[in-house]
């Protein structure tokens, strides 16, 4: 069996700078790759509007991987970046595409002076642990759902600065 060598191009793209063709390609990728896929078809994001994305492209320009980054509204205000909507097309998995887009997104968030980065994941826990993230089993983050203070069991976080003892997220499911 011959090994096929594929070269990818990675871009950090401001959400306002996404061209229509790329947005459509990302919407199709996300709809096919993620739970709740239909919700992605119109705008290529589900809950919080991305500030930027890291996109992996094939040589022909087709998007085969991506992760979205967005500023999470909090009380009190904290420069908190959320990462979400990470997806890699099935034919391109196990080639470090997910690790690369996530690593570049983390670098960009720190470059933009985020105080912390928060994400929700099960499948990429090993990747994010290697990027310096830890599970959030206790700590400042919570959101209110049905009148109750709630934490998501799959949250992971990394911090550049000390955060307040209590940070309420306006949106906890991203």
C-alpha atoms as a PDB file:
ATOM      1  CA  UNK A   1       0.000   0.000   0.000  1.00  0.00           C
ATOM      2  CA  UNK A   2       1.480   3.338  -1.063  1.00  0.00           C
ATOM      3  CA  UNK A   3       1.461   6.325   1.277  1.00  0.00           C
ATOM      4  CA  UNK A   4       0.027   9.498  -0.207  1.00  0.00           C
ATOM      5  CA  UNK A   5       1.839  12.648   0.854  1.00  0.00           C
ATOM      6  CA  UNK A   6      -0.526  15.627   1.107  1.00  0.00           C
ATOM      7  CA  UNK A   7       0.521  19.205   1.671  1.00  0.00           C
ATOM      8  CA  UNK A   8      -1.885  21.588   3.347  1.00  0.00           C
ATOM      9  CA  UNK A   9      -1.968  25.349   3.531  1.00  0.00           C
ATOM     10  CA  UNK A  10      -3.072  26.948   6.816  1.00  0.00           C
ATOM     11  CA  UNK A  11      -4.658  30.375   7.104  1.00  0.00           C
ATOM     12  CA  UNK A  12      -5.700  32.530  10.034  1.00  0.00           C
ATOM     13  CA  UNK A  13      -8.721  34.368   8.657  1.00  0.00           C
ATOM     14  CA  UNK A  14     -10.675  37.202  10.242  1.00  0.00           C
ATOM     15  CA  UNK A  15     -14.382  36.377  10.092  1.00  0.00           C
ATOM     16  CA  UNK A  16     -15.120  39.622   8.248  1.00  0.00           C
ATOM     17  CA  UNK A  17     -12.487  38.663   5.658  1.00  0.00           C
ATOM     18  CA  UNK A  18     -13.959  35.270   4.753  1.00  0.00           C
ATOM     19  CA  UNK A  19     -14.765  35.130   1.066  1.00  0.00           C
ATOM     20  CA  UNK A  20     -18.156  33.677   0.101  1.00  0.00           C
ATOM     21  CA  UNK A  21     -16.664  30.571  -1.546  1.00  0.00           C
ATOM     22  CA  UNK A  22     -14.562  29.762   1.534  1.00  0.00           C
ATOM     23  CA  UNK A  23     -17.505  30.399   3.889  1.00  0.00           C
ATOM     24  CA  UNK A  24     -19.647  28.030   1.805  1.00  0.00           C
ATOM     25  CA  UNK A  25     -16.899  25.368   1.810  1.00  0.00           C
ATOM     26  CA  UNK A  26     -16.556  25.671   5.592  1.00  0.00           C
ATOM     27  CA  UNK A  27     -20.328  25.455   6.044  1.00  0.00           C
ATOM     28  CA  UNK A  28     -20.397  22.223   4.046  1.00  0.00           C
ATOM     29  CA  UNK A  29     -17.417  20.805   5.987  1.00  0.00           C
ATOM     30  CA  UNK A  30     -18.964  21.696   9.365  1.00  0.00           C
ATOM     31  CA  UNK A  31     -22.417  20.445   8.408  1.00  0.00           C
ATOM     32  CA  UNK A  32     -20.960  17.102   7.339  1.00  0.00           C
ATOM     33  CA  UNK A  33     -18.533  16.735  10.255  1.00  0.00           C
ATOM     34  CA  UNK A  34     -20.256  18.001  13.401  1.00  0.00           C
ATOM     35  CA  UNK A  35     -23.321  17.183  15.447  1.00  0.00           C
ATOM     36  CA  UNK A  36     -26.132  19.622  14.742  1.00  0.00           C
ATOM     37  CA  UNK A  37     -24.720  19.881  11.216  1.00  0.00           C
ATOM     38  CA  UNK A  38     -27.763  21.512   9.640  1.00  0.00           C
ATOM     39  CA  UNK A  39     -27.315  24.549  11.897  1.00  0.00           C
ATOM     40  CA  UNK A  40     -24.007  25.323  10.158  1.00  0.00           C
ATOM     41  CA  UNK A  41     -25.212  25.411   6.558  1.00  0.00           C
ATOM     42  CA  UNK A  42     -26.303  29.055   6.417  1.00  0.00           C
ATOM     43  CA  UNK A  43     -23.503  30.938   8.177  1.00  0.00           C
ATOM     44  CA  UNK A  44     -20.832  28.292   9.008  1.00  0.00           C
ATOM     45  CA  UNK A  45     -21.065  28.850  12.769  1.00  0.00           C
ATOM     46  CA  UNK A  46     -23.499  27.673  15.400  1.00  0.00           C
ATOM     47  CA  UNK A  47     -23.634  29.690  18.622  1.00  0.00           C
ATOM     48  CA  UNK A  48     -21.155  32.569  18.927  1.00  0.00           C
ATOM     49  CA  UNK A  49     -19.975  34.467  15.852  1.00  0.00           C
ATOM     50  CA  UNK A  50     -16.272  33.767  15.269  1.00  0.00           C
ATOM     51  CA  UNK A  51     -13.738  36.549  15.478  1.00  0.00           C
ATOM     52  CA  UNK A  52     -11.268  34.513  13.454  1.00  0.00           C
ATOM     53  CA  UNK A  53     -10.779  30.989  12.165  1.00  0.00           C
ATOM     54  CA  UNK A  54      -7.817  28.837  11.368  1.00  0.00           C
ATOM     55  CA  UNK A  55      -8.479  26.967   8.148  1.00  0.00           C
ATOM     56  CA  UNK A  56      -6.639  24.055   6.520  1.00  0.00           C
ATOM     57  CA  UNK A  57      -6.846  23.979   2.737  1.00  0.00           C
ATOM     58  CA  UNK A  58      -5.886  21.405   0.139  1.00  0.00           C
ATOM     59  CA  UNK A  59      -3.759  22.528  -2.805  1.00  0.00           C
ATOM     60  CA  UNK A  60      -6.944  23.178  -4.830  1.00  0.00           C
ATOM     61  CA  UNK A  61      -8.260  25.532  -2.114  1.00  0.00           C
ATOM     62  CA  UNK A  62     -10.885  23.155  -0.711  1.00  0.00           C
ATOM     63  CA  UNK A  63     -11.210  23.529   3.079  1.00  0.00           C
ATOM     64  CA  UNK A  64     -10.565  20.243   4.863  1.00  0.00           C
ATOM     65  CA  UNK A  65     -10.185  21.472   8.443  1.00  0.00           C
ATOM     66  CA  UNK A  66     -10.951  24.428  10.649  1.00  0.00           C
ATOM     67  CA  UNK A  67     -11.418  25.752  14.168  1.00  0.00           C
ATOM     68  CA  UNK A  68     -13.343  28.895  15.116  1.00  0.00           C
ATOM     69  CA  UNK A  69     -12.257  31.380  17.785  1.00  0.00           C
ATOM     70  CA  UNK A  70     -14.589  33.907  19.358  1.00  0.00           C
ATOM     71  CA  UNK A  71     -14.622  36.381  22.194  1.00  0.00           C
ATOM     72  CA  UNK A  72     -16.855  34.988  24.913  1.00  0.00           C
ATOM     73  CA  UNK A  73     -19.062  37.599  26.601  1.00  0.00           C
ATOM     74  CA  UNK A  74     -18.559  37.385  30.376  1.00  0.00           C
ATOM     75  CA  UNK A  75     -19.525  39.070  33.617  1.00  0.00           C
ATOM     76  CA  UNK A  76     -17.247  40.624  34.751  1.00  0.00           C
ATOM     77  CA  UNK A  77     -15.647  41.365  31.404  1.00  0.00           C
ATOM     78  CA  UNK A  78     -12.619  39.173  30.775  1.00  0.00           C
ATOM     79  CA  UNK A  79     -10.613  38.805  27.569  1.00  0.00           C
ATOM     80  CA  UNK A  80     -11.729  35.207  27.139  1.00  0.00           C
ATOM     81  CA  UNK A  81     -11.384  33.432  23.812  1.00  0.00           C
ATOM     82  CA  UNK A  82     -13.516  30.392  23.154  1.00  0.00           C
ATOM     83  CA  UNK A  83     -12.478  27.750  20.651  1.00  0.00           C
ATOM     84  CA  UNK A  84     -15.088  25.634  18.959  1.00  0.00           C
ATOM     85  CA  UNK A  85     -16.405  24.069  15.798  1.00  0.00           C
ATOM     86  CA  UNK A  86     -13.177  22.149  15.267  1.00  0.00           C
ATOM     87  CA  UNK A  87     -13.589  19.835  12.303  1.00  0.00           C
ATOM     88  CA  UNK A  88     -11.424  17.815   9.928  1.00  0.00           C
ATOM     89  CA  UNK A  89     -12.804  16.051   6.873  1.00  0.00           C
ATOM     90  CA  UNK A  90     -12.739  12.265   7.447  1.00  0.00           C
ATOM     91  CA  UNK A  91     -10.300  11.586   4.580  1.00  0.00           C
ATOM     92  CA  UNK A  92      -7.759  13.965   6.154  1.00  0.00           C
ATOM     93  CA  UNK A  93      -7.819  12.825   9.770  1.00  0.00           C
ATOM     94  CA  UNK A  94      -4.736  11.376  11.478  1.00  0.00           C
ATOM     95  CA  UNK A  95      -2.482  13.743   9.513  1.00  0.00           C
ATOM     96  CA  UNK A  96      -2.018  16.405  12.231  1.00  0.00           C
ATOM     97  CA  UNK A  97      -4.535  18.762  10.617  1.00  0.00           C
ATOM     98  CA  UNK A  98      -6.615  19.117  13.798  1.00  0.00           C
ATOM     99  CA  UNK A  99      -3.510  19.547  15.950  1.00  0.00           C
ATOM    100  CA  UNK A 100      -2.157  22.212  13.599  1.00  0.00           C
ATOM    101  CA  UNK A 101      -5.340  24.309  13.283  1.00  0.00           C
ATOM    102  CA  UNK A 102      -5.871  24.189  17.052  1.00  0.00           C
ATOM    103  CA  UNK A 103      -2.241  25.069  17.810  1.00  0.00           C
ATOM    104  CA  UNK A 104      -2.356  28.030  15.428  1.00  0.00           C
ATOM    105  CA  UNK A 105      -5.644  29.215  16.971  1.00  0.00           C
ATOM    106  CA  UNK A 106      -4.115  29.105  20.449  1.00  0.00           C
ATOM    107  CA  UNK A 107      -1.068  31.097  19.235  1.00  0.00           C
ATOM    108  CA  UNK A 108      -3.350  33.705  17.652  1.00  0.00           C
ATOM    109  CA  UNK A 109      -5.490  34.017  20.793  1.00  0.00           C
ATOM    110  CA  UNK A 110      -2.378  34.690  22.904  1.00  0.00           C
ATOM    111  CA  UNK A 111      -1.148  37.165  20.270  1.00  0.00           C
ATOM    112  CA  UNK A 112      -4.471  39.008  20.643  1.00  0.00           C
ATOM    113  CA  UNK A 113      -3.816  39.251  24.409  1.00  0.00           C
ATOM    114  CA  UNK A 114      -6.465  36.824  25.603  1.00  0.00           C
ATOM    115  CA  UNK A 115      -6.439  36.378  29.374  1.00  0.00           C
ATOM    116  CA  UNK A 116      -7.678  32.835  28.961  1.00  0.00           C
ATOM    117  CA  UNK A 117      -8.881  30.327  26.407  1.00  0.00           C
ATOM    118  CA  UNK A 118     -11.822  28.038  27.054  1.00  0.00           C
ATOM    119  CA  UNK A 119     -13.090  25.147  24.968  1.00  0.00           C
ATOM    120  CA  UNK A 120     -15.341  22.128  25.179  1.00  0.00           C
ATOM    121  CA  UNK A 121     -14.032  18.852  23.783  1.00  0.00           C
ATOM    122  CA  UNK A 122     -13.869  15.140  24.301  1.00  0.00           C
ATOM    123  CA  UNK A 123     -12.120  13.888  21.153  1.00  0.00           C
ATOM    124  CA  UNK A 124      -9.250  16.419  21.227  1.00  0.00           C
ATOM    125  CA  UNK A 125      -8.405  16.351  24.933  1.00  0.00           C
ATOM    126  CA  UNK A 126      -4.945  14.894  24.303  1.00  0.00           C
ATOM    127  CA  UNK A 127      -4.120  17.588  21.731  1.00  0.00           C
ATOM    128  CA  UNK A 128      -5.180  20.396  24.060  1.00  0.00           C
ATOM    129  CA  UNK A 129      -3.404  18.875  27.052  1.00  0.00           C
ATOM    130  CA  UNK A 130      -0.215  18.949  24.972  1.00  0.00           C
ATOM    131  CA  UNK A 131      -0.970  22.622  24.177  1.00  0.00           C
ATOM    132  CA  UNK A 132      -1.028  23.444  27.910  1.00  0.00           C
ATOM    133  CA  UNK A 133      -4.738  23.114  28.684  1.00  0.00           C
ATOM    134  CA  UNK A 134      -6.235  21.432  31.733  1.00  0.00           C
ATOM    135  CA  UNK A 135      -9.703  20.133  32.486  1.00  0.00           C
ATOM    136  CA  UNK A 136     -11.921  22.656  34.247  1.00  0.00           C
ATOM    137  CA  UNK A 137     -13.330  20.645  37.118  1.00  0.00           C
ATOM    138  CA  UNK A 138     -13.526  23.642  39.410  1.00  0.00           C
ATOM    139  CA  UNK A 139     -12.665  27.236  38.891  1.00  0.00           C
ATOM    140  CA  UNK A 140     -14.071  30.533  37.829  1.00  0.00           C
ATOM    141  CA  UNK A 141     -16.247  29.612  34.830  1.00  0.00           C
ATOM    142  CA  UNK A 142     -19.968  28.946  34.903  1.00  0.00           C
ATOM    143  CA  UNK A 143     -23.122  29.775  33.015  1.00  0.00           C
ATOM    144  CA  UNK A 144     -26.723  29.868  34.138  1.00  0.00           C
ATOM    145  CA  UNK A 145     -29.052  27.276  32.668  1.00  0.00           C
ATOM    146  CA  UNK A 146     -32.635  26.876  33.900  1.00  0.00           C
ATOM    147  CA  UNK A 147     -31.780  29.163  36.820  1.00  0.00           C
ATOM    148  CA  UNK A 148     -28.857  26.958  37.953  1.00  0.00           C
ATOM    149  CA  UNK A 149     -25.137  27.706  38.000  1.00  0.00           C
ATOM    150  CA  UNK A 150     -23.665  25.186  35.522  1.00  0.00           C
ATOM    151  CA  UNK A 151     -20.244  24.052  34.317  1.00  0.00           C
ATOM    152  CA  UNK A 152     -19.761  21.860  31.281  1.00  0.00           C
ATOM    153  CA  UNK A 153     -17.996  18.578  32.149  1.00  0.00           C
ATOM    154  CA  UNK A 154     -15.865  18.695  28.976  1.00  0.00           C
ATOM    155  CA  UNK A 155     -14.424  22.197  29.386  1.00  0.00           C
ATOM    156  CA  UNK A 156     -10.672  22.706  29.180  1.00  0.00           C
ATOM    157  CA  UNK A 157      -8.855  25.987  29.745  1.00  0.00           C
ATOM    158  CA  UNK A 158      -5.488  27.704  29.670  1.00  0.00           C
ATOM    159  CA  UNK A 159      -4.673  31.062  31.259  1.00  0.00           C
ATOM    160  CA  UNK A 160      -2.218  33.833  30.497  1.00  0.00           C
ATOM    161  CA  UNK A 161      -3.241  35.956  33.482  1.00  0.00           C
ATOM    162  CA  UNK A 162      -5.056  35.413  36.748  1.00  0.00           C
ATOM    163  CA  UNK A 163      -8.824  35.674  36.363  1.00  0.00           C
ATOM    164  CA  UNK A 164     -11.476  36.770  38.847  1.00  0.00           C
ATOM    165  CA  UNK A 165     -12.732  34.054  41.209  1.00  0.00           C
ATOM    166  CA  UNK A 166     -16.086  33.935  39.432  1.00  0.00           C
ATOM    167  CA  UNK A 167     -16.674  34.470  35.696  1.00  0.00           C
ATOM    168  CA  UNK A 168     -20.182  34.057  34.320  1.00  0.00           C
ATOM    169  CA  UNK A 169     -20.353  33.174  30.634  1.00  0.00           C
ATOM    170  CA  UNK A 170     -23.304  34.653  28.779  1.00  0.00           C
ATOM    171  CA  UNK A 171     -23.269  31.567  26.536  1.00  0.00           C
ATOM    172  CA  UNK A 172     -22.024  28.286  27.970  1.00  0.00           C
ATOM    173  CA  UNK A 173     -22.606  25.963  25.023  1.00  0.00           C
ATOM    174  CA  UNK A 174     -20.099  26.639  22.270  1.00  0.00           C
END
